[in-house]
N, C-alpha and C. Protein backbone atom coordinates (compact mmCIF):
# COMPACT_ATOMS: atom_id res chain seq x y z
N MET A 1 100.45 119.89 77.15
CA MET A 1 100.42 118.65 77.88
C MET A 1 101.18 118.85 79.20
N ALA A 2 100.63 118.34 80.26
CA ALA A 2 101.25 118.45 81.59
C ALA A 2 102.27 117.33 81.79
N VAL A 3 103.36 117.67 82.44
CA VAL A 3 104.40 116.69 82.79
C VAL A 3 104.81 116.93 84.24
N PHE A 4 105.50 115.98 84.78
CA PHE A 4 105.99 116.20 86.14
C PHE A 4 107.51 116.26 86.14
N LYS A 5 108.02 117.08 87.06
CA LYS A 5 109.47 117.26 87.19
C LYS A 5 109.84 116.93 88.63
N LEU A 6 110.69 115.92 88.82
CA LEU A 6 111.12 115.55 90.17
C LEU A 6 111.89 116.70 90.80
N THR A 7 111.55 117.00 92.05
CA THR A 7 112.22 118.11 92.73
C THR A 7 112.97 117.66 93.97
N LYS A 8 112.58 116.54 94.56
CA LYS A 8 113.20 116.09 95.80
C LYS A 8 113.01 114.59 95.94
N SER A 9 114.02 113.93 96.51
CA SER A 9 113.93 112.50 96.76
C SER A 9 114.52 112.20 98.13
N THR A 10 113.84 111.31 98.88
CA THR A 10 114.26 110.94 100.22
C THR A 10 114.32 109.42 100.32
N LEU A 11 115.36 108.92 100.96
CA LEU A 11 115.51 107.49 101.22
C LEU A 11 115.15 107.25 102.68
N GLN A 12 114.24 106.31 102.91
CA GLN A 12 113.81 106.01 104.28
C GLN A 12 114.06 104.53 104.58
N LEU A 13 114.76 104.29 105.69
CA LEU A 13 114.97 102.93 106.18
C LEU A 13 113.94 102.68 107.27
N VAL A 14 113.18 101.62 107.13
CA VAL A 14 112.22 101.23 108.16
C VAL A 14 112.86 100.08 108.92
N LEU A 15 113.03 100.28 110.24
CA LEU A 15 113.74 99.31 111.07
C LEU A 15 112.77 98.65 112.05
N ASN A 16 112.95 97.36 112.27
CA ASN A 16 112.13 96.62 113.22
C ASN A 16 112.61 96.95 114.62
N ASP A 17 111.69 97.43 115.47
CA ASP A 17 112.04 97.85 116.83
C ASP A 17 111.47 96.88 117.86
N GLY A 18 111.23 95.64 117.48
CA GLY A 18 110.70 94.64 118.41
C GLY A 18 109.19 94.58 118.35
N ASN A 19 108.59 94.04 119.41
CA ASN A 19 107.14 93.89 119.48
C ASN A 19 106.58 94.65 120.67
N ASP A 20 105.36 95.13 120.51
CA ASP A 20 104.65 95.79 121.60
C ASP A 20 104.37 94.76 122.68
N LEU A 21 104.66 95.11 123.92
CA LEU A 21 104.51 94.15 125.03
C LEU A 21 103.05 93.80 125.29
N LYS A 22 102.13 94.71 125.03
CA LYS A 22 100.72 94.45 125.30
C LYS A 22 100.04 93.70 124.17
N THR A 23 100.28 94.13 122.93
CA THR A 23 99.56 93.54 121.80
C THR A 23 100.36 92.49 121.04
N GLY A 24 101.66 92.51 121.18
CA GLY A 24 102.50 91.59 120.43
C GLY A 24 102.72 92.01 118.98
N MET A 25 102.16 93.15 118.60
CA MET A 25 102.32 93.65 117.22
C MET A 25 103.71 94.24 117.06
N PRO A 26 104.27 94.13 115.84
CA PRO A 26 105.61 94.68 115.62
C PRO A 26 105.62 96.21 115.68
N LEU A 27 106.73 96.74 116.15
CA LEU A 27 106.96 98.19 116.20
C LEU A 27 108.07 98.53 115.21
N TYR A 28 107.93 99.69 114.57
CA TYR A 28 108.91 100.10 113.58
C TYR A 28 109.39 101.52 113.87
N LYS A 29 110.64 101.77 113.57
CA LYS A 29 111.23 103.11 113.62
C LYS A 29 111.81 103.37 112.24
N SER A 30 111.89 104.61 111.88
CA SER A 30 112.44 104.92 110.56
C SER A 30 113.54 105.97 110.66
N LYS A 31 114.45 105.89 109.72
CA LYS A 31 115.52 106.87 109.55
C LYS A 31 115.44 107.37 108.12
N SER A 32 115.45 108.68 107.96
CA SER A 32 115.33 109.27 106.63
C SER A 32 116.61 109.98 106.24
N PHE A 33 116.92 109.91 104.97
CA PHE A 33 118.09 110.57 104.40
C PHE A 33 117.61 111.45 103.25
N ASN A 34 117.77 112.76 103.41
CA ASN A 34 117.32 113.72 102.41
C ASN A 34 118.38 113.96 101.36
N ASN A 35 118.01 114.71 100.36
CA ASN A 35 118.92 115.13 99.28
C ASN A 35 119.49 113.96 98.50
N VAL A 36 118.69 112.94 98.29
CA VAL A 36 119.10 111.81 97.45
C VAL A 36 119.12 112.29 96.00
N LYS A 37 120.12 111.90 95.25
CA LYS A 37 120.19 112.30 93.85
C LYS A 37 118.94 111.80 93.12
N LEU A 38 118.36 112.67 92.33
CA LEU A 38 117.13 112.33 91.63
C LEU A 38 117.35 111.22 90.60
N ALA A 39 118.56 111.09 90.10
CA ALA A 39 118.87 110.08 89.08
C ALA A 39 119.29 108.74 89.69
N ALA A 40 119.28 108.62 91.00
CA ALA A 40 119.70 107.37 91.65
C ALA A 40 118.78 106.23 91.24
N THR A 41 119.37 105.09 90.91
CA THR A 41 118.59 103.93 90.50
C THR A 41 118.17 103.11 91.73
N ALA A 42 117.24 102.21 91.52
CA ALA A 42 116.77 101.33 92.60
C ALA A 42 117.92 100.48 93.13
N ASP A 43 118.78 99.99 92.25
CA ASP A 43 119.92 99.17 92.68
C ASP A 43 120.89 99.97 93.54
N GLN A 44 121.13 101.22 93.18
CA GLN A 44 122.02 102.07 93.96
C GLN A 44 121.44 102.35 95.34
N LEU A 45 120.15 102.66 95.41
CA LEU A 45 119.52 102.93 96.70
C LEU A 45 119.48 101.67 97.57
N TYR A 46 119.28 100.53 96.95
CA TYR A 46 119.28 99.26 97.68
C TYR A 46 120.64 99.02 98.32
N ALA A 47 121.70 99.24 97.56
CA ALA A 47 123.07 99.04 98.07
C ALA A 47 123.38 100.00 99.22
N VAL A 48 123.01 101.26 99.06
CA VAL A 48 123.26 102.26 100.10
C VAL A 48 122.44 101.94 101.35
N ALA A 49 121.18 101.56 101.16
CA ALA A 49 120.33 101.24 102.30
C ALA A 49 120.89 100.08 103.10
N HIS A 50 121.38 99.06 102.43
CA HIS A 50 121.95 97.92 103.15
C HIS A 50 123.28 98.28 103.83
N ALA A 51 124.02 99.19 103.24
CA ALA A 51 125.25 99.66 103.89
C ALA A 51 124.91 100.42 105.17
N PHE A 52 123.92 101.31 105.11
CA PHE A 52 123.50 102.04 106.30
C PHE A 52 122.86 101.11 107.33
N ALA A 53 122.10 100.13 106.87
CA ALA A 53 121.43 99.20 107.78
C ALA A 53 122.44 98.41 108.60
N GLY A 54 123.60 98.14 108.02
CA GLY A 54 124.65 97.44 108.74
C GLY A 54 125.20 98.23 109.91
N LEU A 55 124.96 99.54 109.92
CA LEU A 55 125.43 100.40 111.00
C LEU A 55 124.39 100.60 112.10
N GLN A 56 123.20 100.03 111.90
CA GLN A 56 122.10 100.22 112.84
C GLN A 56 122.05 99.07 113.85
N ASP A 57 121.47 99.35 115.02
CA ASP A 57 121.26 98.30 116.02
C ASP A 57 120.05 97.45 115.70
N ARG A 58 119.08 98.01 115.00
CA ARG A 58 117.84 97.30 114.69
C ARG A 58 117.93 96.69 113.29
N PRO A 59 117.23 95.57 113.07
CA PRO A 59 117.25 94.95 111.73
C PRO A 59 116.40 95.74 110.73
N LEU A 60 116.83 95.72 109.49
CA LEU A 60 116.13 96.41 108.41
C LEU A 60 114.85 95.66 108.07
N TYR A 61 113.73 96.39 108.00
CA TYR A 61 112.45 95.80 107.64
C TYR A 61 112.06 96.16 106.21
N ASN A 62 112.26 97.43 105.83
CA ASN A 62 111.82 97.87 104.52
C ASN A 62 112.66 99.08 104.08
N ILE A 63 112.69 99.31 102.77
CA ILE A 63 113.36 100.46 102.18
C ILE A 63 112.31 101.23 101.38
N VAL A 64 112.22 102.54 101.62
CA VAL A 64 111.22 103.36 100.95
C VAL A 64 111.90 104.55 100.29
N ARG A 65 111.52 104.81 99.05
CA ARG A 65 111.97 106.03 98.37
C ARG A 65 110.76 106.93 98.21
N ARG A 66 110.88 108.16 98.67
CA ARG A 66 109.79 109.13 98.56
C ARG A 66 110.24 110.25 97.63
N ASP A 67 109.50 110.39 96.54
CA ASP A 67 109.79 111.43 95.55
C ASP A 67 108.75 112.53 95.62
N THR A 68 109.19 113.75 95.42
CA THR A 68 108.31 114.90 95.33
C THR A 68 108.49 115.48 93.92
N ALA A 69 107.38 115.81 93.30
CA ALA A 69 107.46 116.34 91.93
C ALA A 69 106.50 117.51 91.77
N ASP A 70 106.85 118.40 90.84
CA ASP A 70 105.97 119.48 90.44
C ASP A 70 105.32 119.09 89.13
N VAL A 71 104.04 119.36 89.01
CA VAL A 71 103.33 119.13 87.75
C VAL A 71 103.30 120.46 87.01
N ILE A 72 103.86 120.45 85.81
CA ILE A 72 103.96 121.70 85.03
C ILE A 72 103.44 121.47 83.61
N VAL A 73 103.11 122.54 82.96
CA VAL A 73 102.71 122.46 81.56
C VAL A 73 103.98 122.52 80.73
N GLY A 74 104.20 121.49 79.95
CA GLY A 74 105.45 121.44 79.20
C GLY A 74 105.19 121.38 77.78
């Protein structure tokens, strides 16, 4: 049976960078933090993301966790 094994996790803060002057559509910038502990819970990442967001000039729009995994036969 195949299983997956988490190998890497990244926390990404998506920040609102205002609106495009021509279209009026919102613009976003992101900041990524690598080497997130694989066992980190959603509540822990939420708390850290809001702590980091408080240090930014732009308002926080979204929090994204990106996991990478290997599929292996286990």
